[in-house]
C-alpha atoms as a PDB file:
ATOM      1  CA  UNK A   1     -56.291 122.587 131.032  1.00  0.00           C
ATOM      2  CA  UNK A   2     -55.570 122.754 134.755  1.00  0.00           C
ATOM      3  CA  UNK A   3     -54.563 119.083 134.662  1.00  0.00           C
ATOM      4  CA  UNK A   4     -51.923 119.897 132.074  1.00  0.00           C
ATOM      5  CA  UNK A   5     -50.592 122.881 134.010  1.00  0.00           C
ATOM      6  CA  UNK A   6     -50.445 120.921 137.254  1.00  0.00           C
ATOM      7  CA  UNK A   7     -48.481 118.072 135.675  1.00  0.00           C
ATOM      8  CA  UNK A   8     -45.792 120.194 134.018  1.00  0.00           C
ATOM      9  CA  UNK A   9     -42.527 119.862 135.923  1.00  0.00           C
ATOM     10  CA  UNK A  10     -40.421 122.907 135.047  1.00  0.00           C
ATOM     11  CA  UNK A  11     -37.524 121.687 137.166  1.00  0.00           C
ATOM     12  CA  UNK A  12     -37.057 118.714 134.862  1.00  0.00           C
ATOM     13  CA  UNK A  13     -33.792 118.569 132.882  1.00  0.00           C
ATOM     14  CA  UNK A  14     -35.913 118.254 129.742  1.00  0.00           C
ATOM     15  CA  UNK A  15     -37.052 121.870 130.114  1.00  0.00           C
ATOM     16  CA  UNK A  16     -33.445 123.044 130.392  1.00  0.00           C
ATOM     17  CA  UNK A  17     -32.531 121.242 127.179  1.00  0.00           C
ATOM     18  CA  UNK A  18     -35.649 122.572 125.468  1.00  0.00           C
ATOM     19  CA  UNK A  19     -34.875 126.119 126.616  1.00  0.00           C
ATOM     20  CA  UNK A  20     -31.286 125.852 125.375  1.00  0.00           C
ATOM     21  CA  UNK A  21     -32.488 124.479 122.053  1.00  0.00           C
ATOM     22  CA  UNK A  22     -34.875 127.401 121.616  1.00  0.00           C
ATOM     23  CA  UNK A  23     -32.133 129.814 122.675  1.00  0.00           C
ATOM     24  CA  UNK A  24     -29.710 128.295 120.182  1.00  0.00           C
ATOM     25  CA  UNK A  25     -32.260 128.398 117.380  1.00  0.00           C
ATOM     26  CA  UNK A  26     -34.094 131.685 117.882  1.00  0.00           C
ATOM     27  CA  UNK A  27     -31.548 133.584 119.954  1.00  0.00           C
ATOM     28  CA  UNK A  28     -28.716 132.491 117.690  1.00  0.00           C
ATOM     29  CA  UNK A  29     -30.670 133.618 114.650  1.00  0.00           C
ATOM     30  CA  UNK A  30     -31.357 137.013 116.219  1.00  0.00           C
ATOM     31  CA  UNK A  31     -27.691 137.360 117.184  1.00  0.00           C
ATOM     32  CA  UNK A  32     -26.544 136.430 113.675  1.00  0.00           C
ATOM     33  CA  UNK A  33     -28.924 138.980 112.176  1.00  0.00           C
ATOM     34  CA  UNK A  34     -27.909 141.815 114.484  1.00  0.00           C
ATOM     35  CA  UNK A  35     -24.201 141.035 114.079  1.00  0.00           C
ATOM     36  CA  UNK A  36     -24.605 140.964 110.301  1.00  0.00           C
ATOM     37  CA  UNK A  37     -26.124 144.440 110.371  1.00  0.00           C
ATOM     38  CA  UNK A  38     -23.374 145.671 112.706  1.00  0.00           C
ATOM     39  CA  UNK A  39     -20.561 144.281 110.558  1.00  0.00           C
ATOM     40  CA  UNK A  40     -22.164 145.681 107.422  1.00  0.00           C
ATOM     41  CA  UNK A  41     -22.347 149.150 108.951  1.00  0.00           C
ATOM     42  CA  UNK A  42     -18.829 148.843 110.351  1.00  0.00           C
ATOM     43  CA  UNK A  43     -17.354 148.028 106.938  1.00  0.00           C
ATOM     44  CA  UNK A  44     -19.526 150.425 104.960  1.00  0.00           C
ATOM     45  CA  UNK A  45     -16.857 153.089 104.500  1.00  0.00           C
ATOM     46  CA  UNK A  46     -13.834 150.829 104.023  1.00  0.00           C
ATOM     47  CA  UNK A  47     -15.492 148.400 101.598  1.00  0.00           C
ATOM     48  CA  UNK A  48     -18.225 149.074  99.102  1.00  0.00           C
ATOM     49  CA  UNK A  49     -21.859 148.905 100.102  1.00  0.00           C
ATOM     50  CA  UNK A  50     -22.478 145.488  98.574  1.00  0.00           C
ATOM     51  CA  UNK A  51     -19.148 144.079  99.729  1.00  0.00           C
ATOM     52  CA  UNK A  52     -19.906 145.155 103.307  1.00  0.00           C
ATOM     53  CA  UNK A  53     -23.305 143.466 103.134  1.00  0.00           C
ATOM     54  CA  UNK A  54     -21.823 140.233 101.789  1.00  0.00           C
ATOM     55  CA  UNK A  55     -19.027 140.149 104.347  1.00  0.00           C
ATOM     56  CA  UNK A  56     -21.557 140.723 107.138  1.00  0.00           C
ATOM     57  CA  UNK A  57     -23.778 137.942 105.846  1.00  0.00           C
ATOM     58  CA  UNK A  58     -20.903 135.494 105.507  1.00  0.00           C
ATOM     59  CA  UNK A  59     -19.650 136.212 109.003  1.00  0.00           C
ATOM     60  CA  UNK A  60     -23.159 135.826 110.405  1.00  0.00           C
ATOM     61  CA  UNK A  61     -22.981 132.086 109.692  1.00  0.00           C
ATOM     62  CA  UNK A  62     -19.919 131.883 111.926  1.00  0.00           C
ATOM     63  CA  UNK A  63     -21.662 133.934 114.633  1.00  0.00           C
ATOM     64  CA  UNK A  64     -24.722 131.663 114.478  1.00  0.00           C
ATOM     65  CA  UNK A  65     -22.644 128.496 114.811  1.00  0.00           C
ATOM     66  CA  UNK A  66     -20.620 129.907 117.704  1.00  0.00           C
ATOM     67  CA  UNK A  67     -23.755 131.132 119.478  1.00  0.00           C
ATOM     68  CA  UNK A  68     -25.388 127.710 119.183  1.00  0.00           C
ATOM     69  CA  UNK A  69     -22.308 126.004 120.627  1.00  0.00           C
ATOM     70  CA  UNK A  70     -21.943 128.602 123.371  1.00  0.00           C
ATOM     71  CA  UNK A  71     -25.566 128.174 124.515  1.00  0.00           C
ATOM     72  CA  UNK A  72     -24.895 124.532 125.339  1.00  0.00           C
ATOM     73  CA  UNK A  73     -21.548 125.204 127.007  1.00  0.00           C
ATOM     74  CA  UNK A  74     -22.660 127.670 129.708  1.00  0.00           C
ATOM     75  CA  UNK A  75     -23.700 126.390 133.099  1.00  0.00           C
ATOM     76  CA  UNK A  76     -27.410 127.240 132.897  1.00  0.00           C
ATOM     77  CA  UNK A  77     -30.079 128.094 130.366  1.00  0.00           C
ATOM     78  CA  UNK A  78     -30.738 131.377 132.156  1.00  0.00           C
ATOM     79  CA  UNK A  79     -27.136 132.489 131.625  1.00  0.00           C
ATOM     80  CA  UNK A  80     -27.423 131.531 127.970  1.00  0.00           C
ATOM     81  CA  UNK A  81     -30.569 133.633 127.479  1.00  0.00           C
ATOM     82  CA  UNK A  82     -29.100 136.609 129.332  1.00  0.00           C
ATOM     83  CA  UNK A  83     -25.879 136.410 127.328  1.00  0.00           C
ATOM     84  CA  UNK A  84     -27.741 136.294 124.024  1.00  0.00           C
ATOM     85  CA  UNK A  85     -29.946 139.223 125.001  1.00  0.00           C
ATOM     86  CA  UNK A  86     -26.930 141.286 126.084  1.00  0.00           C
ATOM     87  CA  UNK A  87     -25.080 140.560 122.842  1.00  0.00           C
ATOM     88  CA  UNK A  88     -28.158 141.430 120.759  1.00  0.00           C
ATOM     89  CA  UNK A  89     -28.570 144.724 122.604  1.00  0.00           C
ATOM     90  CA  UNK A  90     -24.883 145.510 122.096  1.00  0.00           C
ATOM     91  CA  UNK A  91     -25.067 144.870 118.347  1.00  0.00           C
ATOM     92  CA  UNK A  92     -28.348 146.771 117.980  1.00  0.00           C
ATOM     93  CA  UNK A  93     -27.031 149.835 119.787  1.00  0.00           C
ATOM     94  CA  UNK A  94     -23.724 149.617 117.928  1.00  0.00           C
ATOM     95  CA  UNK A  95     -25.505 149.419 114.589  1.00  0.00           C
ATOM     96  CA  UNK A  96     -27.706 152.378 115.481  1.00  0.00           C
ATOM     97  CA  UNK A  97     -24.704 154.454 116.548  1.00  0.00           C
ATOM     98  CA  UNK A  98     -22.832 153.605 113.358  1.00  0.00           C
ATOM     99  CA  UNK A  99     -25.873 154.538 111.273  1.00  0.00           C
ATOM    100  CA  UNK A 100     -26.067 157.878 113.064  1.00  0.00           C
ATOM    101  CA  UNK A 101     -22.382 158.632 112.569  1.00  0.00           C
ATOM    102  CA  UNK A 102     -22.340 157.701 108.873  1.00  0.00           C
ATOM    103  CA  UNK A 103     -25.649 159.369 108.134  1.00  0.00           C
ATOM    104  CA  UNK A 104     -27.221 156.209 106.713  1.00  0.00           C
ATOM    105  CA  UNK A 105     -30.994 156.346 106.740  1.00  0.00           C
ATOM    106  CA  UNK A 106     -31.751 152.909 105.380  1.00  0.00           C
END
């Protein structure tokens, strides 16, 4: 095990590509999910319940694609991770605030 840990070179460009790929896959999925919930809550009063859910789900595909492209366009993998985490926190807090203001429990 120590042989494996000693031979891993984390400064290799392969790790940066791997980290960006994981960020695009998992972080993009989390961002699409949180944005879908946010959009659904945002449109809950103007559209019907099921229409708001469908619009949020449809727009989440666009968010996921844009997040995956954005992860590979920033200058470092660290900036990509931080940006995805910030956006997820924003959408989570926004969704929570909208749920509190509309009185939605579920």
